[in-house]
Amino acid sequence: MYLPKNFIFLSLFFLGTIANAMPTLNDTIPPSLIKAFKVNDAFQDGEWFRFRMRYGIFNASYADVRLRETTHKGRPVFHASAVGKTTGLARWFFKVDDYYDSFFETEVVKPVHFVRNISEGSYVRHVNIDFDHSTQQGVVNDLLKKTTIRISLKPNVQDLVSTFYYLRNHLDVEGIEPGETASVNMIYGKTAFVFRFRFLGYENIRTAFGIVPCMKFRPYVEEGRVFRKDGGLSLWISNDKNRMPIRLKADLRVGSIDVDLESFSGLKHPFNILYYE
């Protein structure tokens, strides 16, 4: 059973596998569609999502993402926790237990602390990152290797989890046209890279909740290594103020991964459903 590293996080927000699949990019592409200030107010304390991932015939995993208001070192923050596990028959082939935690500022999304604690077969990582945006410096603690290093941070840098919330609040979709692109500075372990994606257009898709109007995006990936040369990733986001992930499809070198939002609670805004089937 072939699955890429961090495939649970791929089932969440597609970013973990992109970090493994993309080359490191040193120059930031001007993110004309992404604003430093908040253009949306998409989420609130208590929001919760559950995603179901299918790999071929397998119901391979689930992933839960929960958002809570709390404090970190005396400052008010949001705490986003993401948990992913393989289930059923897939767990016999490939046991996965992944835990991610991101603490980020409540007004403008800026990560202050990130935890990546994953176990995927023989691939095990446990890394913490502390962010200091005033000095654009970060501290990476590898708890398994028992090492600590300092790294330089790009402006508005995001971790793997905060990126999701950053885009929900800072991506300006007013008047967006198909073909337009945007980029986000990200940090993955001690590696900085630029996550790029393209807006494909609007599409109404059939879901377990009914027909949902969505915005469709395609992240840029390195074809041929993890993804098919004629494929890649497609992501559908609800076309409402929640801007929540509805569906992900990834065409891999071997098979494909399909991820669907299975259940949710605590939305800040009404869920826009055209009609129920």
C-alpha atoms as a PDB file:
ATOM      1  CA  MET A   1       0.000   0.000   0.000  1.00  0.00           C
ATOM      2  CA  TYR A   2       1.741   3.191  -1.199  1.00  0.00           C
ATOM      3  CA  LEU A   3       1.080   6.381   0.735  1.00  0.00           C
ATOM      4  CA  PRO A   4       3.257   9.511   0.858  1.00  0.00           C
ATOM      5  CA  LYS A   5       4.715  10.840   4.079  1.00  0.00           C
ATOM      6  CA  ASN A   6       2.336  13.137   5.954  1.00  0.00           C
ATOM      7  CA  PHE A   7      -0.598  11.748   3.990  1.00  0.00           C
ATOM      8  CA  ILE A   8      -2.932  12.393   6.916  1.00  0.00           C
ATOM      9  CA  PHE A   9      -2.175  16.060   6.682  1.00  0.00           C
ATOM     10  CA  LEU A  10      -2.688  15.845   2.952  1.00  0.00           C
ATOM     11  CA  SER A  11      -6.185  14.654   3.764  1.00  0.00           C
ATOM     12  CA  LEU A  12      -6.640  17.707   5.958  1.00  0.00           C
ATOM     13  CA  PHE A  13      -5.341  20.614   3.941  1.00  0.00           C
ATOM     14  CA  PHE A  14      -3.015  19.116   1.316  1.00  0.00           C
ATOM     15  CA  LEU A  15       0.024  20.997   2.615  1.00  0.00           C
ATOM     16  CA  GLY A  16       2.115  18.314   4.283  1.00  0.00           C
ATOM     17  CA  THR A  17       2.688  16.273   1.161  1.00  0.00           C
ATOM     18  CA  ILE A  18       3.278  19.407  -0.879  1.00  0.00           C
ATOM     19  CA  ALA A  19       6.080  20.258   1.500  1.00  0.00           C
ATOM     20  CA  ASN A  20       7.695  16.923   0.668  1.00  0.00           C
ATOM     21  CA  ALA A  21       6.850  17.121  -3.023  1.00  0.00           C
ATOM     22  CA  MET A  22       7.811  20.709  -3.841  1.00  0.00           C
ATOM     23  CA  PRO A  23      11.329  22.043  -4.321  1.00  0.00           C
ATOM     24  CA  THR A  24      12.411  24.770  -1.927  1.00  0.00           C
ATOM     25  CA  LEU A  25      11.761  28.210  -3.372  1.00  0.00           C
ATOM     26  CA  ASN A  26      13.873  31.114  -2.160  1.00  0.00           C
ATOM     27  CA  ASP A  27      12.016  34.043  -3.703  1.00  0.00           C
ATOM     28  CA  THR A  28       8.551  35.030  -2.601  1.00  0.00           C
ATOM     29  CA  ILE A  29       6.016  35.578  -5.356  1.00  0.00           C
ATOM     30  CA  PRO A  30       3.993  38.746  -4.630  1.00  0.00           C
ATOM     31  CA  PRO A  31       0.736  37.493  -3.040  1.00  0.00           C
ATOM     32  CA  SER A  32      -1.576  40.062  -4.628  1.00  0.00           C
ATOM     33  CA  LEU A  33      -4.689  38.180  -3.495  1.00  0.00           C
ATOM     34  CA  ILE A  34      -3.516  37.811   0.104  1.00  0.00           C
ATOM     35  CA  LYS A  35      -3.782  40.798   2.414  1.00  0.00           C
ATOM     36  CA  ALA A  36      -1.809  41.512   5.575  1.00  0.00           C
ATOM     37  CA  PHE A  37      -5.053  42.686   7.181  1.00  0.00           C
ATOM     38  CA  LYS A  38      -8.141  40.560   7.770  1.00  0.00           C
ATOM     39  CA  VAL A  39     -10.569  40.533   4.829  1.00  0.00           C
ATOM     40  CA  ASN A  40     -12.840  37.837   6.258  1.00  0.00           C
ATOM     41  CA  ASP A  41     -13.853  36.592   9.699  1.00  0.00           C
ATOM     42  CA  ALA A  42     -14.312  32.910   8.953  1.00  0.00           C
ATOM     43  CA  PHE A  43     -14.023  31.039  12.241  1.00  0.00           C
ATOM     44  CA  GLN A  44     -14.642  31.106  15.970  1.00  0.00           C
ATOM     45  CA  ASP A  45     -13.950  29.266  19.194  1.00  0.00           C
ATOM     46  CA  GLY A  46     -15.432  25.758  19.153  1.00  0.00           C
ATOM     47  CA  GLU A  47     -15.302  25.111  15.399  1.00  0.00           C
ATOM     48  CA  TRP A  48     -14.778  21.424  14.567  1.00  0.00           C
ATOM     49  CA  PHE A  49     -14.367  19.464  11.336  1.00  0.00           C
ATOM     50  CA  ARG A  50     -14.090  15.759  10.590  1.00  0.00           C
ATOM     51  CA  PHE A  51     -12.707  14.574   7.258  1.00  0.00           C
ATOM     52  CA  ARG A  52     -12.848  11.083   5.769  1.00  0.00           C
ATOM     53  CA  MET A  53     -10.137   9.963   3.378  1.00  0.00           C
ATOM     54  CA  ARG A  54     -10.429   7.199   0.807  1.00  0.00           C
ATOM     55  CA  TYR A  55      -7.452   5.623  -0.902  1.00  0.00           C
ATOM     56  CA  GLY A  56      -8.704   3.382  -3.697  1.00  0.00           C
ATOM     57  CA  ILE A  57     -11.060   0.853  -2.121  1.00  0.00           C
ATOM     58  CA  PHE A  58      -9.907   1.717   1.404  1.00  0.00           C
ATOM     59  CA  ASN A  59     -11.646   4.048   3.812  1.00  0.00           C
ATOM     60  CA  ALA A  60      -8.110   4.830   4.833  1.00  0.00           C
ATOM     61  CA  SER A  61      -8.305   7.409   7.585  1.00  0.00           C
ATOM     62  CA  TYR A  62     -10.096  10.169   9.374  1.00  0.00           C
ATOM     63  CA  ALA A  63      -8.869  13.549  10.565  1.00  0.00           C
ATOM     64  CA  ASP A  64     -10.392  15.824  13.191  1.00  0.00           C
ATOM     65  CA  VAL A  65      -9.590  19.548  13.380  1.00  0.00           C
ATOM     66  CA  ARG A  66     -10.699  21.580  16.380  1.00  0.00           C
ATOM     67  CA  LEU A  67     -10.293  25.279  17.150  1.00  0.00           C
ATOM     68  CA  ARG A  68     -10.312  26.769  20.658  1.00  0.00           C
ATOM     69  CA  GLU A  69      -9.527  30.114  22.221  1.00  0.00           C
ATOM     70  CA  THR A  70      -6.859  29.914  24.902  1.00  0.00           C
ATOM     71  CA  THR A  71      -3.658  31.639  26.028  1.00  0.00           C
ATOM     72  CA  HIS A  72      -0.021  30.921  25.237  1.00  0.00           C
ATOM     73  CA  LYS A  73       2.610  32.470  27.483  1.00  0.00           C
ATOM     74  CA  GLY A  74       0.024  34.944  28.718  1.00  0.00           C
ATOM     75  CA  ARG A  75      -1.227  36.127  25.315  1.00  0.00           C
ATOM     76  CA  PRO A  76      -4.655  35.327  23.823  1.00  0.00           C
ATOM     77  CA  VAL A  77      -4.422  32.889  20.909  1.00  0.00           C
ATOM     78  CA  PHE A  78      -6.373  30.382  18.907  1.00  0.00           C
ATOM     79  CA  HIS A  79      -5.280  26.765  19.360  1.00  0.00           C
ATOM     80  CA  ALA A  80      -5.923  24.590  16.312  1.00  0.00           C
ATOM     81  CA  SER A  81      -5.415  20.880  16.955  1.00  0.00           C
ATOM     82  CA  ALA A  82      -5.443  18.336  14.142  1.00  0.00           C
ATOM     83  CA  VAL A  83      -5.483  14.579  14.727  1.00  0.00           C
ATOM     84  CA  GLY A  84      -5.290  11.973  11.984  1.00  0.00           C
ATOM     85  CA  LYS A  85      -5.360   8.173  12.163  1.00  0.00           C
ATOM     86  CA  THR A  86      -5.706   5.281   9.773  1.00  0.00           C
ATOM     87  CA  THR A  87      -8.690   3.069  10.427  1.00  0.00           C
ATOM     88  CA  GLY A  88      -9.975  -0.429   9.694  1.00  0.00           C
ATOM     89  CA  LEU A  89      -8.100  -2.559   7.170  1.00  0.00           C
ATOM     90  CA  ALA A  90      -5.818   0.325   6.177  1.00  0.00           C
ATOM     91  CA  ARG A  91      -4.389   0.375   9.706  1.00  0.00           C
ATOM     92  CA  TRP A  92      -3.162  -3.195   9.260  1.00  0.00           C
ATOM     93  CA  PHE A  93      -1.168  -2.113   6.215  1.00  0.00           C
ATOM     94  CA  PHE A  94      -0.037   1.301   7.375  1.00  0.00           C
ATOM     95  CA  LYS A  95      -0.470   2.466  10.961  1.00  0.00           C
ATOM     96  CA  VAL A  96      -0.691   6.236  11.302  1.00  0.00           C
ATOM     97  CA  ASP A  97      -1.085   8.413  14.392  1.00  0.00           C
ATOM     98  CA  ASP A  98      -0.517  12.092  13.603  1.00  0.00           C
ATOM     99  CA  TYR A  99      -0.907  15.080  15.904  1.00  0.00           C
ATOM    100  CA  TYR A 100      -0.487  18.731  14.943  1.00  0.00           C
ATOM    101  CA  ASP A 101      -0.982  21.800  17.120  1.00  0.00           C
ATOM    102  CA  SER A 102      -0.803  25.421  16.040  1.00  0.00           C
ATOM    103  CA  PHE A 103      -1.138  28.425  18.332  1.00  0.00           C
ATOM    104  CA  PHE A 104      -1.674  31.672  16.443  1.00  0.00           C
ATOM    105  CA  GLU A 105      -2.720  35.257  17.146  1.00  0.00           C
ATOM    106  CA  THR A 106      -6.443  35.882  17.219  1.00  0.00           C
ATOM    107  CA  GLU A 107      -6.763  39.008  15.054  1.00  0.00           C
ATOM    108  CA  VAL A 108      -4.206  38.678  12.263  1.00  0.00           C
ATOM    109  CA  VAL A 109      -3.210  35.039  11.810  1.00  0.00           C
ATOM    110  CA  LYS A 110       0.430  34.740  12.920  1.00  0.00           C
ATOM    111  CA  PRO A 111       1.703  31.465  14.405  1.00  0.00           C
ATOM    112  CA  VAL A 112       3.527  31.668  17.732  1.00  0.00           C
ATOM    113  CA  HIS A 113       4.009  27.950  18.481  1.00  0.00           C
ATOM    114  CA  PHE A 114       3.699  24.822  16.358  1.00  0.00           C
ATOM    115  CA  VAL A 115       3.897  21.114  17.228  1.00  0.00           C
ATOM    116  CA  ARG A 116       4.289  18.269  14.750  1.00  0.00           C
ATOM    117  CA  ASN A 117       4.203  14.835  16.395  1.00  0.00           C
ATOM    118  CA  ILE A 118       3.654  12.126  13.811  1.00  0.00           C
ATOM    119  CA  SER A 119       4.085   8.375  13.506  1.00  0.00           C
ATOM    120  CA  GLU A 120       3.527   6.858  10.056  1.00  0.00           C
ATOM    121  CA  GLY A 121       4.944   3.361   9.911  1.00  0.00           C
ATOM    122  CA  SER A 122       8.700   3.776  10.390  1.00  0.00           C
ATOM    123  CA  TYR A 123       8.520   7.529   9.725  1.00  0.00           C
ATOM    124  CA  VAL A 124       8.473   9.301  13.098  1.00  0.00           C
ATOM    125  CA  ARG A 125       8.913  13.005  13.818  1.00  0.00           C
ATOM    126  CA  HIS A 126       8.383  15.209  16.878  1.00  0.00           C
ATOM    127  CA  VAL A 127       9.282  18.852  16.302  1.00  0.00           C
ATOM    128  CA  ASN A 128       8.273  22.123  17.984  1.00  0.00           C
ATOM    129  CA  ILE A 129       8.703  25.576  16.440  1.00  0.00           C
ATOM    130  CA  ASP A 130       8.527  28.882  18.304  1.00  0.00           C
ATOM    131  CA  PHE A 131       8.013  32.048  16.235  1.00  0.00           C
ATOM    132  CA  ASP A 132       9.211  35.583  16.996  1.00  0.00           C
ATOM    133  CA  HIS A 133       7.737  37.804  14.289  1.00  0.00           C
ATOM    134  CA  SER A 134       9.248  40.992  15.735  1.00  0.00           C
ATOM    135  CA  THR A 135      12.757  39.724  14.959  1.00  0.00           C
ATOM    136  CA  GLN A 136      11.707  37.331  12.152  1.00  0.00           C
ATOM    137  CA  GLN A 137      13.468  34.501  13.966  1.00  0.00           C
ATOM    138  CA  GLY A 138      12.315  31.020  14.852  1.00  0.00           C
ATOM    139  CA  VAL A 139      13.524  28.272  17.163  1.00  0.00           C
ATOM    140  CA  VAL A 140      13.144  24.659  16.019  1.00  0.00           C
ATOM    141  CA  ASN A 141      13.342  21.970  18.701  1.00  0.00           C
ATOM    142  CA  ASP A 142      13.675  18.384  17.508  1.00  0.00           C
ATOM    143  CA  LEU A 143      12.584  16.350  20.502  1.00  0.00           C
ATOM    144  CA  LEU A 144      13.730  13.010  19.074  1.00  0.00           C
ATOM    145  CA  LYS A 145      17.142  14.132  17.852  1.00  0.00           C
ATOM    146  CA  LYS A 146      17.506  16.422  20.883  1.00  0.00           C
ATOM    147  CA  THR A 147      18.663  19.362  18.772  1.00  0.00           C
ATOM    148  CA  THR A 148      17.763  23.049  18.759  1.00  0.00           C
ATOM    149  CA  ILE A 149      18.467  25.435  15.899  1.00  0.00           C
ATOM    150  CA  ARG A 150      17.585  29.037  15.067  1.00  0.00           C
ATOM    151  CA  ILE A 151      16.169  29.923  11.682  1.00  0.00           C
ATOM    152  CA  SER A 152      15.267  33.112   9.807  1.00  0.00           C
ATOM    153  CA  LEU A 153      11.610  33.653   9.016  1.00  0.00           C
ATOM    154  CA  LYS A 154      10.027  35.240   5.959  1.00  0.00           C
ATOM    155  CA  PRO A 155       7.357  37.948   6.422  1.00  0.00           C
ATOM    156  CA  ASN A 156       3.888  36.578   7.271  1.00  0.00           C
ATOM    157  CA  VAL A 157       5.298  33.046   7.486  1.00  0.00           C
ATOM    158  CA  GLN A 158       2.833  30.305   8.411  1.00  0.00           C
ATOM    159  CA  ASP A 159       3.109  26.772   9.760  1.00  0.00           C
ATOM    160  CA  LEU A 160       1.346  23.781   8.214  1.00  0.00           C
ATOM    161  CA  VAL A 161      -1.858  24.266  10.204  1.00  0.00           C
ATOM    162  CA  SER A 162      -2.051  28.060  10.540  1.00  0.00           C
ATOM    163  CA  THR A 163      -1.846  28.344   6.733  1.00  0.00           C
ATOM    164  CA  PHE A 164      -5.376  26.972   6.509  1.00  0.00           C
ATOM    165  CA  TYR A 165      -6.750  29.635   8.844  1.00  0.00           C
ATOM    166  CA  TYR A 166      -4.578  32.353   7.315  1.00  0.00           C
ATOM    167  CA  LEU A 167      -6.045  31.741   3.880  1.00  0.00           C
ATOM    168  CA  ARG A 168      -9.599  31.613   5.217  1.00  0.00           C
ATOM    169  CA  ASN A 169      -9.193  35.112   6.670  1.00  0.00           C
ATOM    170  CA  HIS A 170      -6.595  36.808   4.477  1.00  0.00           C
ATOM    171  CA  LEU A 171      -7.301  35.588   0.937  1.00  0.00           C
ATOM    172  CA  ASP A 172      -9.246  38.307  -0.867  1.00  0.00           C
ATOM    173  CA  VAL A 173     -11.679  36.565  -3.238  1.00  0.00           C
ATOM    174  CA  GLU A 174     -13.662  39.687  -4.085  1.00  0.00           C
ATOM    175  CA  GLY A 175     -13.582  39.851  -7.869  1.00  0.00           C
ATOM    176  CA  ILE A 176     -11.155  36.940  -8.165  1.00  0.00           C
ATOM    177  CA  GLU A 177     -10.808  35.612 -11.715  1.00  0.00           C
ATOM    178  CA  PRO A 178     -10.011  32.065 -12.896  1.00  0.00           C
ATOM    179  CA  GLY A 179      -6.294  31.683 -13.493  1.00  0.00           C
ATOM    180  CA  GLU A 180      -5.195  34.123 -10.800  1.00  0.00           C
ATOM    181  CA  THR A 181      -2.507  32.831  -8.454  1.00  0.00           C
ATOM    182  CA  ALA A 182      -1.339  33.571  -4.920  1.00  0.00           C
ATOM    183  CA  SER A 183       1.435  32.394  -2.614  1.00  0.00           C
ATOM    184  CA  VAL A 184       2.142  31.969   1.091  1.00  0.00           C
ATOM    185  CA  ASN A 185       5.489  31.790   2.891  1.00  0.00           C
ATOM    186  CA  MET A 186       5.630  28.579   4.899  1.00  0.00           C
ATOM    187  CA  ILE A 187       8.027  26.796   7.209  1.00  0.00           C
ATOM    188  CA  TYR A 188       8.323  23.020   7.242  1.00  0.00           C
ATOM    189  CA  GLY A 189      10.687  21.733   9.901  1.00  0.00           C
ATOM    190  CA  LYS A 190      13.666  24.002   9.293  1.00  0.00           C
ATOM    191  CA  THR A 191      12.926  24.416   5.578  1.00  0.00           C
ATOM    192  CA  ALA A 192      11.289  27.533   4.172  1.00  0.00           C
ATOM    193  CA  PHE A 193       9.335  27.392   0.947  1.00  0.00           C
ATOM    194  CA  VAL A 194       6.612  29.203  -0.948  1.00  0.00           C
ATOM    195  CA  PHE A 195       3.241  27.500  -1.274  1.00  0.00           C
ATOM    196  CA  ARG A 196       1.572  28.579  -4.523  1.00  0.00           C
ATOM    197  CA  PHE A 197      -1.936  27.906  -5.778  1.00  0.00           C
ATOM    198  CA  ARG A 198      -4.238  28.911  -8.628  1.00  0.00           C
ATOM    199  CA  PHE A 199      -7.940  29.723  -8.655  1.00  0.00           C
ATOM    200  CA  LEU A 200      -9.786  27.560 -11.199  1.00  0.00           C
ATOM    201  CA  GLY A 201     -13.307  28.914 -10.869  1.00  0.00           C
ATOM    202  CA  TYR A 202     -16.670  28.280  -9.219  1.00  0.00           C
ATOM    203  CA  GLU A 203     -18.376  24.888  -9.106  1.00  0.00           C
ATOM    204  CA  ASN A 204     -21.430  23.405  -7.413  1.00  0.00           C
ATOM    205  CA  ILE A 205     -20.568  19.948  -6.088  1.00  0.00           C
ATOM    206  CA  ARG A 206     -22.654  17.101  -4.703  1.00  0.00           C
ATOM    207  CA  THR A 207     -21.851  16.303  -1.068  1.00  0.00           C
ATOM    208  CA  ALA A 208     -23.349  14.394   1.850  1.00  0.00           C
ATOM    209  CA  PHE A 209     -24.963  17.677   2.897  1.00  0.00           C
ATOM    210  CA  GLY A 210     -26.512  18.500  -0.489  1.00  0.00           C
ATOM    211  CA  ILE A 211     -25.360  20.609  -3.435  1.00  0.00           C
ATOM    212  CA  VAL A 212     -22.756  23.059  -2.162  1.00  0.00           C
ATOM    213  CA  PRO A 213     -21.411  26.067  -4.113  1.00  0.00           C
ATOM    214  CA  CYS A 214     -17.625  26.025  -3.979  1.00  0.00           C
ATOM    215  CA  MET A 215     -14.479  27.774  -5.120  1.00  0.00           C
ATOM    216  CA  LYS A 216     -12.002  25.430  -6.784  1.00  0.00           C
ATOM    217  CA  PHE A 217      -8.234  25.791  -6.362  1.00  0.00           C
ATOM    218  CA  ARG A 218      -5.202  23.918  -7.633  1.00  0.00           C
ATOM    219  CA  PRO A 219      -1.952  23.993  -5.661  1.00  0.00           C
ATOM    220  CA  TYR A 220       1.286  23.858  -7.625  1.00  0.00           C
ATOM    221  CA  VAL A 221       3.097  20.567  -7.048  1.00  0.00           C
ATOM    222  CA  GLU A 222       6.131  18.819  -8.433  1.00  0.00           C
ATOM    223  CA  GLU A 223       4.720  16.319 -10.913  1.00  0.00           C
ATOM    224  CA  GLY A 224       6.124  12.839 -11.338  1.00  0.00           C
ATOM    225  CA  ARG A 225       7.590  12.323  -7.868  1.00  0.00           C
ATOM    226  CA  VAL A 226       4.450  11.905  -5.774  1.00  0.00           C
ATOM    227  CA  PHE A 227       1.773  13.089  -8.176  1.00  0.00           C
ATOM    228  CA  ARG A 228       0.854  11.917 -11.652  1.00  0.00           C
ATOM    229  CA  LYS A 229       2.284  13.868 -14.548  1.00  0.00           C
ATOM    230  CA  ASP A 230      -1.201  14.532 -15.876  1.00  0.00           C
ATOM    231  CA  GLY A 231      -2.778  15.088 -12.480  1.00  0.00           C
ATOM    232  CA  GLY A 232      -2.136  16.824  -9.189  1.00  0.00           C
ATOM    233  CA  LEU A 233      -4.323  18.303  -6.504  1.00  0.00           C
ATOM    234  CA  SER A 234      -7.748  19.904  -6.632  1.00  0.00           C
ATOM    235  CA  LEU A 235      -9.383  21.527  -3.620  1.00  0.00           C
ATOM    236  CA  TRP A 236     -12.969  22.740  -3.231  1.00  0.00           C
ATOM    237  CA  ILE A 237     -13.716  25.420  -0.601  1.00  0.00           C
ATOM    238  CA  SER A 238     -17.219  26.484   0.415  1.00  0.00           C
ATOM    239  CA  ASN A 239     -18.214  29.696  -1.328  1.00  0.00           C
ATOM    240  CA  ASP A 240     -19.498  31.378   1.816  1.00  0.00           C
ATOM    241  CA  LYS A 241     -17.952  33.245   4.736  1.00  0.00           C
ATOM    242  CA  ASN A 242     -16.886  29.990   6.421  1.00  0.00           C
ATOM    243  CA  ARG A 243     -14.519  29.122   3.555  1.00  0.00           C
ATOM    244  CA  MET A 244     -14.206  25.582   4.819  1.00  0.00           C
ATOM    245  CA  PRO A 245     -12.678  22.689   2.882  1.00  0.00           C
ATOM    246  CA  ILE A 246     -15.369  20.523   1.317  1.00  0.00           C
ATOM    247  CA  ARG A 247     -13.430  18.152  -0.930  1.00  0.00           C
ATOM    248  CA  LEU A 248      -9.879  17.286  -1.952  1.00  0.00           C
ATOM    249  CA  LYS A 249      -8.781  15.040  -4.789  1.00  0.00           C
ATOM    250  CA  ALA A 250      -5.140  14.021  -5.213  1.00  0.00           C
ATOM    251  CA  ASP A 251      -3.945  12.013  -8.216  1.00  0.00           C
ATOM    252  CA  LEU A 252      -0.870  10.110  -7.047  1.00  0.00           C
ATOM    253  CA  ARG A 253       1.649   8.033  -8.956  1.00  0.00           C
ATOM    254  CA  VAL A 254      -0.192   5.002  -7.615  1.00  0.00           C
ATOM    255  CA  GLY A 255      -3.934   5.488  -7.213  1.00  0.00           C
ATOM    256  CA  SER A 256      -5.679   8.559  -5.904  1.00  0.00           C
ATOM    257  CA  ILE A 257      -6.809  10.025  -2.604  1.00  0.00           C
ATOM    258  CA  ASP A 258     -10.284  11.454  -2.115  1.00  0.00           C
ATOM    259  CA  VAL A 259     -11.100  13.461   0.985  1.00  0.00           C
ATOM    260  CA  ASP A 260     -14.542  14.708   1.967  1.00  0.00           C
ATOM    261  CA  LEU A 261     -15.856  16.753   4.837  1.00  0.00           C
ATOM    262  CA  GLU A 262     -17.916  14.270   6.813  1.00  0.00           C
ATOM    263  CA  SER A 263     -19.257  16.317   9.719  1.00  0.00           C
ATOM    264  CA  PHE A 264     -18.782  19.660  11.431  1.00  0.00           C
ATOM    265  CA  SER A 265     -19.996  21.887  14.251  1.00  0.00           C
ATOM    266  CA  GLY A 266     -19.442  25.358  15.635  1.00  0.00           C
ATOM    267  CA  LEU A 267     -19.470  27.272  12.352  1.00  0.00           C
ATOM    268  CA  LYS A 268     -19.452  31.038  12.688  1.00  0.00           C
ATOM    269  CA  HIS A 269     -21.641  31.622   9.622  1.00  0.00           C
ATOM    270  CA  PRO A 270     -24.530  29.784   7.945  1.00  0.00           C
ATOM    271  CA  PHE A 271     -23.453  26.937   5.666  1.00  0.00           C
ATOM    272  CA  ASN A 272     -24.507  27.814   2.123  1.00  0.00           C
ATOM    273  CA  ILE A 273     -26.282  24.780   0.628  1.00  0.00           C
ATOM    274  CA  LEU A 274     -28.175  25.309  -2.627  1.00  0.00           C
ATOM    275  CA  TYR A 275     -30.553  22.419  -2.072  1.00  0.00           C
ATOM    276  CA  TYR A 276     -30.758  19.021  -0.418  1.00  0.00           C
ATOM    277  CA  GLU A 277     -31.005  15.796  -2.383  1.00  0.00           C
END
